[in-house]
C-alpha atoms as a PDB file:
ATOM      1  CA  UNK A   1     -25.457   0.771 -12.128  1.00  0.00           C
ATOM      2  CA  UNK A   2     -24.261   1.680  -8.645  1.00  0.00           C
ATOM      3  CA  UNK A   3     -20.963   2.407  -6.973  1.00  0.00           C
ATOM      4  CA  UNK A   4     -20.383   2.337  -3.249  1.00  0.00           C
ATOM      5  CA  UNK A   5     -17.649   2.664  -0.687  1.00  0.00           C
ATOM      6  CA  UNK A   6     -16.589  -0.731   0.635  1.00  0.00           C
ATOM      7  CA  UNK A   7     -17.488  -1.692   4.184  1.00  0.00           C
ATOM      8  CA  UNK A   8     -14.759  -2.730   6.604  1.00  0.00           C
ATOM      9  CA  UNK A   9     -13.722  -6.283   5.714  1.00  0.00           C
ATOM     10  CA  UNK A  10     -13.318  -8.154   9.012  1.00  0.00           C
ATOM     11  CA  UNK A  11     -11.503 -11.047   7.344  1.00  0.00           C
ATOM     12  CA  UNK A  12      -9.044  -8.624   5.726  1.00  0.00           C
ATOM     13  CA  UNK A  13      -8.563  -6.937   9.083  1.00  0.00           C
ATOM     14  CA  UNK A  14      -7.858 -10.354  10.569  1.00  0.00           C
ATOM     15  CA  UNK A  15      -5.170 -11.039   7.985  1.00  0.00           C
ATOM     16  CA  UNK A  16      -3.454  -7.664   8.431  1.00  0.00           C
ATOM     17  CA  UNK A  17      -3.570  -8.059  12.198  1.00  0.00           C
ATOM     18  CA  UNK A  18      -1.991 -11.515  12.099  1.00  0.00           C
ATOM     19  CA  UNK A  19      -5.008 -13.672  12.938  1.00  0.00           C
ATOM     20  CA  UNK A  20      -5.350 -15.541   9.655  1.00  0.00           C
ATOM     21  CA  UNK A  21      -4.113 -19.121   9.415  1.00  0.00           C
ATOM     22  CA  UNK A  22      -0.748 -18.960   7.665  1.00  0.00           C
ATOM     23  CA  UNK A  23       1.522 -21.763   6.543  1.00  0.00           C
ATOM     24  CA  UNK A  24       4.348 -22.298   8.989  1.00  0.00           C
ATOM     25  CA  UNK A  25       4.103 -18.985  10.798  1.00  0.00           C
ATOM     26  CA  UNK A  26       6.541 -19.056  13.735  1.00  0.00           C
ATOM     27  CA  UNK A  27       4.833 -18.999  17.120  1.00  0.00           C
ATOM     28  CA  UNK A  28       7.036 -16.147  18.326  1.00  0.00           C
ATOM     29  CA  UNK A  29       4.984 -13.646  16.322  1.00  0.00           C
ATOM     30  CA  UNK A  30       1.922 -14.272  18.452  1.00  0.00           C
ATOM     31  CA  UNK A  31      -1.455 -12.517  18.347  1.00  0.00           C
ATOM     32  CA  UNK A  32      -2.142  -8.869  18.925  1.00  0.00           C
ATOM     33  CA  UNK A  33      -5.251  -8.575  21.115  1.00  0.00           C
ATOM     34  CA  UNK A  34      -7.254  -8.995  17.930  1.00  0.00           C
ATOM     35  CA  UNK A  35     -10.765  -8.812  19.405  1.00  0.00           C
ATOM     36  CA  UNK A  36     -10.257  -5.473  21.153  1.00  0.00           C
ATOM     37  CA  UNK A  37      -8.406  -3.966  18.212  1.00  0.00           C
ATOM     38  CA  UNK A  38     -11.076  -5.069  15.737  1.00  0.00           C
ATOM     39  CA  UNK A  39     -13.845  -3.751  17.993  1.00  0.00           C
ATOM     40  CA  UNK A  40     -12.143  -0.355  18.221  1.00  0.00           C
ATOM     41  CA  UNK A  41     -11.709  -0.204  14.456  1.00  0.00           C
ATOM     42  CA  UNK A  42     -15.317  -1.134  13.734  1.00  0.00           C
ATOM     43  CA  UNK A  43     -16.521   1.468  16.223  1.00  0.00           C
ATOM     44  CA  UNK A  44     -14.533   4.122  14.339  1.00  0.00           C
ATOM     45  CA  UNK A  45     -15.736   3.006  10.895  1.00  0.00           C
ATOM     46  CA  UNK A  46     -16.727   5.999   8.751  1.00  0.00           C
ATOM     47  CA  UNK A  47     -20.216   6.188   7.269  1.00  0.00           C
ATOM     48  CA  UNK A  48     -20.527   4.567   3.851  1.00  0.00           C
ATOM     49  CA  UNK A  49     -21.250   6.856   0.935  1.00  0.00           C
ATOM     50  CA  UNK A  50     -24.786   6.544  -0.418  1.00  0.00           C
ATOM     51  CA  UNK A  51     -25.297   4.438  -3.516  1.00  0.00           C
ATOM     52  CA  UNK A  52     -24.953   6.393  -6.756  1.00  0.00           C
ATOM     53  CA  UNK A  53     -26.808   5.359  -9.890  1.00  0.00           C
ATOM     54  CA  UNK A  54     -25.290   6.036 -13.299  1.00  0.00           C
ATOM     55  CA  UNK A  55     -27.302   6.095 -16.514  1.00  0.00           C
ATOM     56  CA  UNK A  56     -25.964   5.197 -19.940  1.00  0.00           C
ATOM     57  CA  UNK A  57     -25.863   8.918 -20.659  1.00  0.00           C
ATOM     58  CA  UNK A  58     -23.725   9.532 -17.566  1.00  0.00           C
ATOM     59  CA  UNK A  59     -21.315   6.840 -18.719  1.00  0.00           C
ATOM     60  CA  UNK A  60     -21.015   8.473 -22.120  1.00  0.00           C
ATOM     61  CA  UNK A  61     -20.146  11.803 -20.474  1.00  0.00           C
ATOM     62  CA  UNK A  62     -17.491  10.120 -18.327  1.00  0.00           C
ATOM     63  CA  UNK A  63     -15.913   8.390 -21.323  1.00  0.00           C
ATOM     64  CA  UNK A  64     -16.009  11.565 -23.427  1.00  0.00           C
ATOM     65  CA  UNK A  65     -14.466  13.714 -20.690  1.00  0.00           C
ATOM     66  CA  UNK A  66     -11.764  11.168 -19.954  1.00  0.00           C
ATOM     67  CA  UNK A  67     -10.730  10.867 -23.605  1.00  0.00           C
ATOM     68  CA  UNK A  68     -10.498  14.645 -23.896  1.00  0.00           C
ATOM     69  CA  UNK A  69      -8.145  15.172 -20.944  1.00  0.00           C
ATOM     70  CA  UNK A  70      -6.367  11.841 -20.409  1.00  0.00           C
ATOM     71  CA  UNK A  71      -3.121  12.940 -22.132  1.00  0.00           C
ATOM     72  CA  UNK A  72      -2.526   9.384 -23.367  1.00  0.00           C
ATOM     73  CA  UNK A  73      -2.519   7.757 -19.915  1.00  0.00           C
ATOM     74  CA  UNK A  74      -4.251   4.617 -18.698  1.00  0.00           C
ATOM     75  CA  UNK A  75      -7.030   5.156 -16.140  1.00  0.00           C
ATOM     76  CA  UNK A  76      -5.099   4.363 -12.949  1.00  0.00           C
ATOM     77  CA  UNK A  77      -2.085   6.433 -14.018  1.00  0.00           C
ATOM     78  CA  UNK A  78      -4.427   9.244 -15.024  1.00  0.00           C
ATOM     79  CA  UNK A  79      -6.168   9.323 -11.627  1.00  0.00           C
ATOM     80  CA  UNK A  80      -2.784   9.262  -9.905  1.00  0.00           C
ATOM     81  CA  UNK A  81      -2.270  12.831 -11.134  1.00  0.00           C
ATOM     82  CA  UNK A  82      -4.548  15.128  -9.073  1.00  0.00           C
ATOM     83  CA  UNK A  83      -4.136  17.866 -11.678  1.00  0.00           C
ATOM     84  CA  UNK A  84      -5.553  15.682 -14.461  1.00  0.00           C
ATOM     85  CA  UNK A  85      -8.268  14.263 -12.199  1.00  0.00           C
ATOM     86  CA  UNK A  86      -9.487  17.762 -11.322  1.00  0.00           C
ATOM     87  CA  UNK A  87      -9.616  18.710 -15.009  1.00  0.00           C
ATOM     88  CA  UNK A  88     -11.636  15.570 -15.694  1.00  0.00           C
ATOM     89  CA  UNK A  89     -14.111  16.240 -12.870  1.00  0.00           C
ATOM     90  CA  UNK A  90     -14.508  19.868 -13.939  1.00  0.00           C
ATOM     91  CA  UNK A  91     -15.205  18.835 -17.547  1.00  0.00           C
ATOM     92  CA  UNK A  92     -17.761  16.236 -16.411  1.00  0.00           C
ATOM     93  CA  UNK A  93     -19.639  18.979 -14.576  1.00  0.00           C
ATOM     94  CA  UNK A  94     -19.460  21.266 -17.603  1.00  0.00           C
ATOM     95  CA  UNK A  95     -20.976  18.453 -19.703  1.00  0.00           C
ATOM     96  CA  UNK A  96     -23.906  18.193 -17.289  1.00  0.00           C
ATOM     97  CA  UNK A  97     -22.898  15.446 -14.831  1.00  0.00           C
ATOM     98  CA  UNK A  98     -23.940  16.400 -11.300  1.00  0.00           C
ATOM     99  CA  UNK A  99     -22.526  13.605  -9.162  1.00  0.00           C
ATOM    100  CA  UNK A 100     -19.758  13.499  -6.509  1.00  0.00           C
ATOM    101  CA  UNK A 101     -16.214  13.497  -7.891  1.00  0.00           C
ATOM    102  CA  UNK A 102     -15.271  10.359  -5.942  1.00  0.00           C
ATOM    103  CA  UNK A 103     -18.242   8.446  -7.365  1.00  0.00           C
ATOM    104  CA  UNK A 104     -17.456   9.608 -10.907  1.00  0.00           C
ATOM    105  CA  UNK A 105     -13.828   8.568 -10.581  1.00  0.00           C
ATOM    106  CA  UNK A 106     -14.780   5.148  -9.257  1.00  0.00           C
ATOM    107  CA  UNK A 107     -17.228   4.792 -12.120  1.00  0.00           C
ATOM    108  CA  UNK A 108     -14.394   5.560 -14.547  1.00  0.00           C
ATOM    109  CA  UNK A 109     -12.401   2.719 -13.010  1.00  0.00           C
ATOM    110  CA  UNK A 110     -15.399   0.398 -13.221  1.00  0.00           C
ATOM    111  CA  UNK A 111     -15.993   1.241 -16.884  1.00  0.00           C
ATOM    112  CA  UNK A 112     -12.376   0.400 -17.660  1.00  0.00           C
ATOM    113  CA  UNK A 113     -12.702  -2.995 -15.997  1.00  0.00           C
ATOM    114  CA  UNK A 114     -16.111  -3.805 -17.453  1.00  0.00           C
ATOM    115  CA  UNK A 115     -15.177  -2.838 -20.991  1.00  0.00           C
ATOM    116  CA  UNK A 116     -12.062  -4.981 -21.170  1.00  0.00           C
ATOM    117  CA  UNK A 117     -10.495  -2.023 -22.936  1.00  0.00           C
ATOM    118  CA  UNK A 118     -13.228  -1.783 -25.549  1.00  0.00           C
ATOM    119  CA  UNK A 119     -14.786   1.488 -24.399  1.00  0.00           C
ATOM    120  CA  UNK A 120     -11.545   3.461 -24.358  1.00  0.00           C
ATOM    121  CA  UNK A 121      -8.860   4.358 -26.836  1.00  0.00           C
ATOM    122  CA  UNK A 122      -5.692   2.368 -25.938  1.00  0.00           C
ATOM    123  CA  UNK A 123      -3.219   4.321 -23.821  1.00  0.00           C
ATOM    124  CA  UNK A 124      -0.227   5.703 -25.666  1.00  0.00           C
ATOM    125  CA  UNK A 125       2.102   6.696 -22.813  1.00  0.00           C
ATOM    126  CA  UNK A 126       4.236   4.253 -20.866  1.00  0.00           C
ATOM    127  CA  UNK A 127       5.835   6.410 -18.217  1.00  0.00           C
ATOM    128  CA  UNK A 128       8.774   4.885 -16.374  1.00  0.00           C
ATOM    129  CA  UNK A 129       9.555   6.563 -13.093  1.00  0.00           C
ATOM    130  CA  UNK A 130      12.510   5.063 -11.237  1.00  0.00           C
ATOM    131  CA  UNK A 131      13.521   5.309  -7.607  1.00  0.00           C
ATOM    132  CA  UNK A 132      10.152   6.230  -6.081  1.00  0.00           C
ATOM    133  CA  UNK A 133       9.888   3.112  -3.919  1.00  0.00           C
ATOM    134  CA  UNK A 134      13.436   3.661  -2.637  1.00  0.00           C
ATOM    135  CA  UNK A 135      12.696   7.303  -1.809  1.00  0.00           C
ATOM    136  CA  UNK A 136       9.128   7.161  -0.515  1.00  0.00           C
ATOM    137  CA  UNK A 137       8.149   3.513  -0.082  1.00  0.00           C
ATOM    138  CA  UNK A 138       8.653   3.472   3.688  1.00  0.00           C
ATOM    139  CA  UNK A 139       5.917   6.102   3.971  1.00  0.00           C
ATOM    140  CA  UNK A 140       3.667   5.111   1.084  1.00  0.00           C
ATOM    141  CA  UNK A 141       3.247   1.403   1.823  1.00  0.00           C
ATOM    142  CA  UNK A 142       2.244   1.825   5.493  1.00  0.00           C
ATOM    143  CA  UNK A 143      -0.137   4.616   4.436  1.00  0.00           C
ATOM    144  CA  UNK A 144      -1.767   2.349   1.840  1.00  0.00           C
ATOM    145  CA  UNK A 145      -2.111  -0.428   4.408  1.00  0.00           C
ATOM    146  CA  UNK A 146      -3.551   1.756   7.161  1.00  0.00           C
ATOM    147  CA  UNK A 147      -6.277   3.110   4.879  1.00  0.00           C
ATOM    148  CA  UNK A 148      -6.966  -0.350   3.471  1.00  0.00           C
ATOM    149  CA  UNK A 149      -7.560  -1.751   6.950  1.00  0.00           C
ATOM    150  CA  UNK A 150      -9.560   1.150   8.337  1.00  0.00           C
ATOM    151  CA  UNK A 151     -11.954   1.742   5.422  1.00  0.00           C
ATOM    152  CA  UNK A 152     -11.418  -1.235   3.084  1.00  0.00           C
ATOM    153  CA  UNK A 153     -10.040   0.963   0.288  1.00  0.00           C
ATOM    154  CA  UNK A 154      -8.004  -0.486  -2.564  1.00  0.00           C
ATOM    155  CA  UNK A 155      -5.182   1.434  -4.233  1.00  0.00           C
ATOM    156  CA  UNK A 156      -7.541   2.442  -7.040  1.00  0.00           C
ATOM    157  CA  UNK A 157     -10.061   3.790  -4.520  1.00  0.00           C
ATOM    158  CA  UNK A 158      -7.376   5.860  -2.821  1.00  0.00           C
ATOM    159  CA  UNK A 159      -6.608   7.401  -6.223  1.00  0.00           C
ATOM    160  CA  UNK A 160     -10.278   7.904  -7.058  1.00  0.00           C
ATOM    161  CA  UNK A 161     -11.524   9.509  -3.840  1.00  0.00           C
ATOM    162  CA  UNK A 162     -10.087  12.998  -3.184  1.00  0.00           C
ATOM    163  CA  UNK A 163     -10.713  12.717   0.568  1.00  0.00           C
ATOM    164  CA  UNK A 164      -9.014   9.326   0.855  1.00  0.00           C
ATOM    165  CA  UNK A 165      -6.206  10.608  -1.348  1.00  0.00           C
ATOM    166  CA  UNK A 166      -5.648  13.576   0.957  1.00  0.00           C
ATOM    167  CA  UNK A 167      -5.613  11.315   4.006  1.00  0.00           C
ATOM    168  CA  UNK A 168      -3.147   8.993   2.261  1.00  0.00           C
ATOM    169  CA  UNK A 169      -0.815  11.852   1.350  1.00  0.00           C
ATOM    170  CA  UNK A 170      -0.825  13.208   4.909  1.00  0.00           C
ATOM    171  CA  UNK A 171       0.426   9.875   6.244  1.00  0.00           C
ATOM    172  CA  UNK A 172       3.018   9.563   3.478  1.00  0.00           C
ATOM    173  CA  UNK A 173       4.436  13.032   4.066  1.00  0.00           C
ATOM    174  CA  UNK A 174       4.533  12.532   7.844  1.00  0.00           C
ATOM    175  CA  UNK A 175       6.859   9.519   7.430  1.00  0.00           C
ATOM    176  CA  UNK A 176       8.748  10.460   4.241  1.00  0.00           C
ATOM    177  CA  UNK A 177       8.420  14.212   3.705  1.00  0.00           C
ATOM    178  CA  UNK A 178       9.368  15.974   0.498  1.00  0.00           C
ATOM    179  CA  UNK A 179       7.314  14.067  -2.070  1.00  0.00           C
ATOM    180  CA  UNK A 180       4.631  15.484  -4.328  1.00  0.00           C
ATOM    181  CA  UNK A 181       1.076  14.169  -4.547  1.00  0.00           C
ATOM    182  CA  UNK A 182       1.914  12.567  -7.893  1.00  0.00           C
ATOM    183  CA  UNK A 183       5.100  10.935  -6.579  1.00  0.00           C
ATOM    184  CA  UNK A 184       3.335   9.379  -3.586  1.00  0.00           C
ATOM    185  CA  UNK A 185       0.541   8.035  -5.791  1.00  0.00           C
ATOM    186  CA  UNK A 186       2.832   6.664  -8.484  1.00  0.00           C
ATOM    187  CA  UNK A 187       4.843   4.988  -5.737  1.00  0.00           C
ATOM    188  CA  UNK A 188       1.637   3.330  -4.506  1.00  0.00           C
ATOM    189  CA  UNK A 189       0.963   1.949  -7.986  1.00  0.00           C
ATOM    190  CA  UNK A 190       4.507   0.580  -8.165  1.00  0.00           C
ATOM    191  CA  UNK A 191       4.222  -1.095  -4.757  1.00  0.00           C
ATOM    192  CA  UNK A 192       0.939  -2.729  -5.751  1.00  0.00           C
ATOM    193  CA  UNK A 193       2.512  -4.004  -8.966  1.00  0.00           C
ATOM    194  CA  UNK A 194       5.591  -5.301  -7.131  1.00  0.00           C
ATOM    195  CA  UNK A 195       3.446  -7.329  -4.730  1.00  0.00           C
ATOM    196  CA  UNK A 196       2.284  -9.640  -7.517  1.00  0.00           C
ATOM    197  CA  UNK A 197       4.315 -12.801  -7.836  1.00  0.00           C
ATOM    198  CA  UNK A 198       4.802 -13.962 -11.421  1.00  0.00           C
ATOM    199  CA  UNK A 199       3.798 -17.531 -12.198  1.00  0.00           C
ATOM    200  CA  UNK A 200       7.299 -18.422 -13.387  1.00  0.00           C
ATOM    201  CA  UNK A 201       8.684 -17.261 -10.022  1.00  0.00           C
ATOM    202  CA  UNK A 202       6.394 -19.474  -7.958  1.00  0.00           C
ATOM    203  CA  UNK A 203       8.532 -22.686  -7.887  1.00  0.00           C
ATOM    204  CA  UNK A 204      11.580 -20.816  -6.563  1.00  0.00           C
ATOM    205  CA  UNK A 205       9.402 -18.748  -4.210  1.00  0.00           C
ATOM    206  CA  UNK A 206       7.998 -21.923  -2.630  1.00  0.00           C
ATOM    207  CA  UNK A 207      11.483 -23.348  -2.118  1.00  0.00           C
ATOM    208  CA  UNK A 208      12.723 -20.376  -0.108  1.00  0.00           C
ATOM    209  CA  UNK A 209      13.189 -21.359   3.537  1.00  0.00           C
ATOM    210  CA  UNK A 210      11.399 -18.516   5.290  1.00  0.00           C
ATOM    211  CA  UNK A 211      11.792 -20.025   8.758  1.00  0.00           C
ATOM    212  CA  UNK A 212      15.580 -20.104   8.478  1.00  0.00           C
ATOM    213  CA  UNK A 213      15.670 -16.531   7.199  1.00  0.00           C
ATOM    214  CA  UNK A 214      13.442 -15.315  10.044  1.00  0.00           C
ATOM    215  CA  UNK A 215      15.694 -16.948  12.615  1.00  0.00           C
ATOM    216  CA  UNK A 216      18.746 -15.318  11.005  1.00  0.00           C
ATOM    217  CA  UNK A 217      17.574 -11.719  11.570  1.00  0.00           C
ATOM    218  CA  UNK A 218      20.069  -9.583  13.515  1.00  0.00           C
ATOM    219  CA  UNK A 219      18.922  -7.145  16.167  1.00  0.00           C
ATOM    220  CA  UNK A 220      20.186  -3.588  15.725  1.00  0.00           C
ATOM    221  CA  UNK A 221      20.778  -1.355  18.738  1.00  0.00           C
ATOM    222  CA  UNK A 222      18.962   1.977  18.577  1.00  0.00           C
ATOM    223  CA  UNK A 223      20.552   5.283  19.489  1.00  0.00           C
ATOM    224  CA  UNK A 224      18.702   8.583  19.027  1.00  0.00           C
ATOM    225  CA  UNK A 225      16.056   6.997  16.783  1.00  0.00           C
ATOM    226  CA  UNK A 226      18.625   5.409  14.432  1.00  0.00           C
ATOM    227  CA  UNK A 227      20.195   1.990  14.425  1.00  0.00           C
ATOM    228  CA  UNK A 228      23.885   1.679  15.156  1.00  0.00           C
ATOM    229  CA  UNK A 229      26.114   1.320  12.115  1.00  0.00           C
ATOM    230  CA  UNK A 230      24.684  -1.276   9.740  1.00  0.00           C
ATOM    231  CA  UNK A 231      26.410  -2.860   6.703  1.00  0.00           C
ATOM    232  CA  UNK A 232      26.604  -0.739   3.563  1.00  0.00           C
ATOM    233  CA  UNK A 233      25.103  -3.652   1.640  1.00  0.00           C
ATOM    234  CA  UNK A 234      21.726  -4.590   0.140  1.00  0.00           C
ATOM    235  CA  UNK A 235      19.403  -6.287   2.559  1.00  0.00           C
ATOM    236  CA  UNK A 236      16.118  -6.297   4.438  1.00  0.00           C
ATOM    237  CA  UNK A 237      15.309  -4.019   7.364  1.00  0.00           C
ATOM    238  CA  UNK A 238      12.349  -4.632   9.674  1.00  0.00           C
ATOM    239  CA  UNK A 239      10.854  -2.447  12.363  1.00  0.00           C
ATOM    240  CA  UNK A 240       9.148  -4.477  15.072  1.00  0.00           C
ATOM    241  CA  UNK A 241       7.328  -4.082  18.368  1.00  0.00           C
ATOM    242  CA  UNK A 242       8.652  -6.857  20.559  1.00  0.00           C
ATOM    243  CA  UNK A 243       7.718 -10.101  18.821  1.00  0.00           C
ATOM    244  CA  UNK A 244       5.324  -8.344  16.432  1.00  0.00           C
ATOM    245  CA  UNK A 245       6.658  -7.473  12.930  1.00  0.00           C
ATOM    246  CA  UNK A 246       5.412  -4.055  11.845  1.00  0.00           C
ATOM    247  CA  UNK A 247       7.075  -3.207   8.540  1.00  0.00           C
ATOM    248  CA  UNK A 248       9.694  -4.805   6.308  1.00  0.00           C
ATOM    249  CA  UNK A 249      11.526  -3.078   3.451  1.00  0.00           C
ATOM    250  CA  UNK A 250      14.363  -3.859   1.083  1.00  0.00           C
ATOM    251  CA  UNK A 251      17.233  -1.361   0.901  1.00  0.00           C
ATOM    252  CA  UNK A 252      20.236  -1.228  -1.396  1.00  0.00           C
ATOM    253  CA  UNK A 253      22.186   0.186   1.566  1.00  0.00           C
ATOM    254  CA  UNK A 254      21.031  -1.017   4.980  1.00  0.00           C
ATOM    255  CA  UNK A 255      22.819   1.742   6.875  1.00  0.00           C
ATOM    256  CA  UNK A 256      21.159   4.480   4.806  1.00  0.00           C
ATOM    257  CA  UNK A 257      17.870   2.633   5.126  1.00  0.00           C
ATOM    258  CA  UNK A 258      17.961   2.799   8.900  1.00  0.00           C
ATOM    259  CA  UNK A 259      18.185   6.595   8.614  1.00  0.00           C
ATOM    260  CA  UNK A 260      15.176   6.793   6.280  1.00  0.00           C
ATOM    261  CA  UNK A 261      12.929   4.852   8.676  1.00  0.00           C
ATOM    262  CA  UNK A 262      13.027   6.795  11.955  1.00  0.00           C
ATOM    263  CA  UNK A 263      10.850   5.229  14.619  1.00  0.00           C
ATOM    264  CA  UNK A 264       9.439   8.533  15.831  1.00  0.00           C
ATOM    265  CA  UNK A 265       7.903   9.536  12.473  1.00  0.00           C
ATOM    266  CA  UNK A 266       6.690   5.987  11.844  1.00  0.00           C
ATOM    267  CA  UNK A 267       4.927   5.889  15.212  1.00  0.00           C
ATOM    268  CA  UNK A 268       3.441   9.387  15.044  1.00  0.00           C
ATOM    269  CA  UNK A 269       2.016   8.968  11.547  1.00  0.00           C
ATOM    270  CA  UNK A 270       0.561   5.499  11.957  1.00  0.00           C
ATOM    271  CA  UNK A 271      -0.806   5.691  15.483  1.00  0.00           C
ATOM    272  CA  UNK A 272      -2.402   9.124  15.032  1.00  0.00           C
ATOM    273  CA  UNK A 273      -6.249   9.339  15.033  1.00  0.00           C
ATOM    274  CA  UNK A 274      -6.596   5.558  14.984  1.00  0.00           C
ATOM    275  CA  UNK A 275      -7.317   2.671  17.313  1.00  0.00           C
ATOM    276  CA  UNK A 276      -5.476   0.429  14.849  1.00  0.00           C
ATOM    277  CA  UNK A 277      -2.210   0.641  16.714  1.00  0.00           C
ATOM    278  CA  UNK A 278      -1.264   1.852  20.178  1.00  0.00           C
ATOM    279  CA  UNK A 279       2.512   1.445  20.183  1.00  0.00           C
ATOM    280  CA  UNK A 280       4.773   0.783  23.119  1.00  0.00           C
ATOM    281  CA  UNK A 281       7.869   2.901  22.306  1.00  0.00           C
ATOM    282  CA  UNK A 282      10.029   0.834  24.653  1.00  0.00           C
ATOM    283  CA  UNK A 283       9.399  -2.268  22.547  1.00  0.00           C
ATOM    284  CA  UNK A 284      10.119  -0.765  19.116  1.00  0.00           C
ATOM    285  CA  UNK A 285      13.310  -1.867  17.418  1.00  0.00           C
ATOM    286  CA  UNK A 286      15.046  -2.783  14.166  1.00  0.00           C
ATOM    287  CA  UNK A 287      16.153  -6.139  12.822  1.00  0.00           C
ATOM    288  CA  UNK A 288      18.033  -6.694   9.591  1.00  0.00           C
ATOM    289  CA  UNK A 289      19.256  -9.332   7.158  1.00  0.00           C
ATOM    290  CA  UNK A 290      22.139  -8.804   4.749  1.00  0.00           C
ATOM    291  CA  UNK A 291      21.227  -9.960   1.244  1.00  0.00           C
ATOM    292  CA  UNK A 292      24.392 -12.044   0.895  1.00  0.00           C
ATOM    293  CA  UNK A 293      23.244 -14.149   3.865  1.00  0.00           C
ATOM    294  CA  UNK A 294      20.246 -15.310   1.855  1.00  0.00           C
ATOM    295  CA  UNK A 295      22.130 -17.158  -0.868  1.00  0.00           C
ATOM    296  CA  UNK A 296      21.803 -16.647  -4.604  1.00  0.00           C
ATOM    297  CA  UNK A 297      18.031 -16.260  -4.862  1.00  0.00           C
ATOM    298  CA  UNK A 298      16.813 -12.788  -5.917  1.00  0.00           C
ATOM    299  CA  UNK A 299      16.393 -10.456  -2.971  1.00  0.00           C
ATOM    300  CA  UNK A 300      12.997  -9.224  -4.197  1.00  0.00           C
ATOM    301  CA  UNK A 301      11.670 -12.798  -3.964  1.00  0.00           C
ATOM    302  CA  UNK A 302      12.958 -13.080  -0.408  1.00  0.00           C
ATOM    303  CA  UNK A 303      11.133  -9.857   0.461  1.00  0.00           C
ATOM    304  CA  UNK A 304       7.866 -11.249  -0.918  1.00  0.00           C
ATOM    305  CA  UNK A 305       8.416 -14.573   0.856  1.00  0.00           C
ATOM    306  CA  UNK A 306       9.090 -12.900   4.200  1.00  0.00           C
ATOM    307  CA  UNK A 307       6.092 -10.582   3.866  1.00  0.00           C
ATOM    308  CA  UNK A 308       3.861 -13.549   3.113  1.00  0.00           C
ATOM    309  CA  UNK A 309       5.221 -15.592   6.001  1.00  0.00           C
ATOM    310  CA  UNK A 310       5.558 -12.906   8.674  1.00  0.00           C
ATOM    311  CA  UNK A 311       2.557 -10.792   7.654  1.00  0.00           C
ATOM    312  CA  UNK A 312       3.901  -7.473   9.024  1.00  0.00           C
ATOM    313  CA  UNK A 313       1.089  -5.159  10.066  1.00  0.00           C
ATOM    314  CA  UNK A 314       1.990  -2.333   7.657  1.00  0.00           C
ATOM    315  CA  UNK A 315       3.105  -4.216   4.524  1.00  0.00           C
ATOM    316  CA  UNK A 316       0.869  -4.524   1.459  1.00  0.00           C
ATOM    317  CA  UNK A 317      -0.037  -8.204   0.904  1.00  0.00           C
ATOM    318  CA  UNK A 318       1.513 -10.537  -1.683  1.00  0.00           C
ATOM    319  CA  UNK A 319      -0.618 -11.952  -4.514  1.00  0.00           C
ATOM    320  CA  UNK A 320      -0.092 -14.484  -7.251  1.00  0.00           C
ATOM    321  CA  UNK A 321      -0.266 -12.694 -10.585  1.00  0.00           C
ATOM    322  CA  UNK A 322      -2.808 -13.883 -13.120  1.00  0.00           C
ATOM    323  CA  UNK A 323      -1.573 -15.973 -16.041  1.00  0.00           C
END
């Protein structure tokens, strides 16, 4: 069996950059010089890791080491903890496995998916960590998206590859400092989970009038990197570059939210060492919607609907959850 680092997915790049055909997308969100941006990104593509072959004996070592140090966690939650992942990689080496840590971790993920749960003892811990998306989401989600676009890495691959994980954490801490490695990674898992639309939510989701909501956004004046006083109410805040939506986030308090999303940190972290985005600071601004303006439908559904319709450059995509 082999594992490999994904190549850049041009179609995925196209979707993140706003070029995909989308139902009813308003013309005012325009295109973003897609050809030049894509060319720059492909030119900066990192070299793929060589293929790694695993024998049945290697797989047995991986399973044995994981069961010894997993502490009751499922695979993705386990790899989200760098401390546990390092213990696992060290034990694999002690048991005779001489392969790169990133490849071993990805193989662990693959074994979980291939086995359908049969190769592993069921997890016994159901950790519930609240408030991470509120505290760190405005740094974590753009970091996930930037790495996804530049190297084609999924959330699991960010957790599995120590180098990608370090790069991810650097972006997170540049936008929302103060979090630990574990907090940033758990936040990423929560964001991924929250981007799946449940089947029972689909009829209401499809009835939401995204065009009307988009036209109802209010512009917020910016002073010293913060929006003027916003309502102390739940709502949606969006940072944009002219007509281009960059990032949209739900806040329980819009005024506090505008303080947690300073333009300077957002720009510095996401434009650094990348041809993905060359911002025009004069065009950056905030828009907001108060939740009460959106009627009685759940605000989290509105967030998913707006992300799907507007396709902001730094939001993780929305998916329909499996039955």
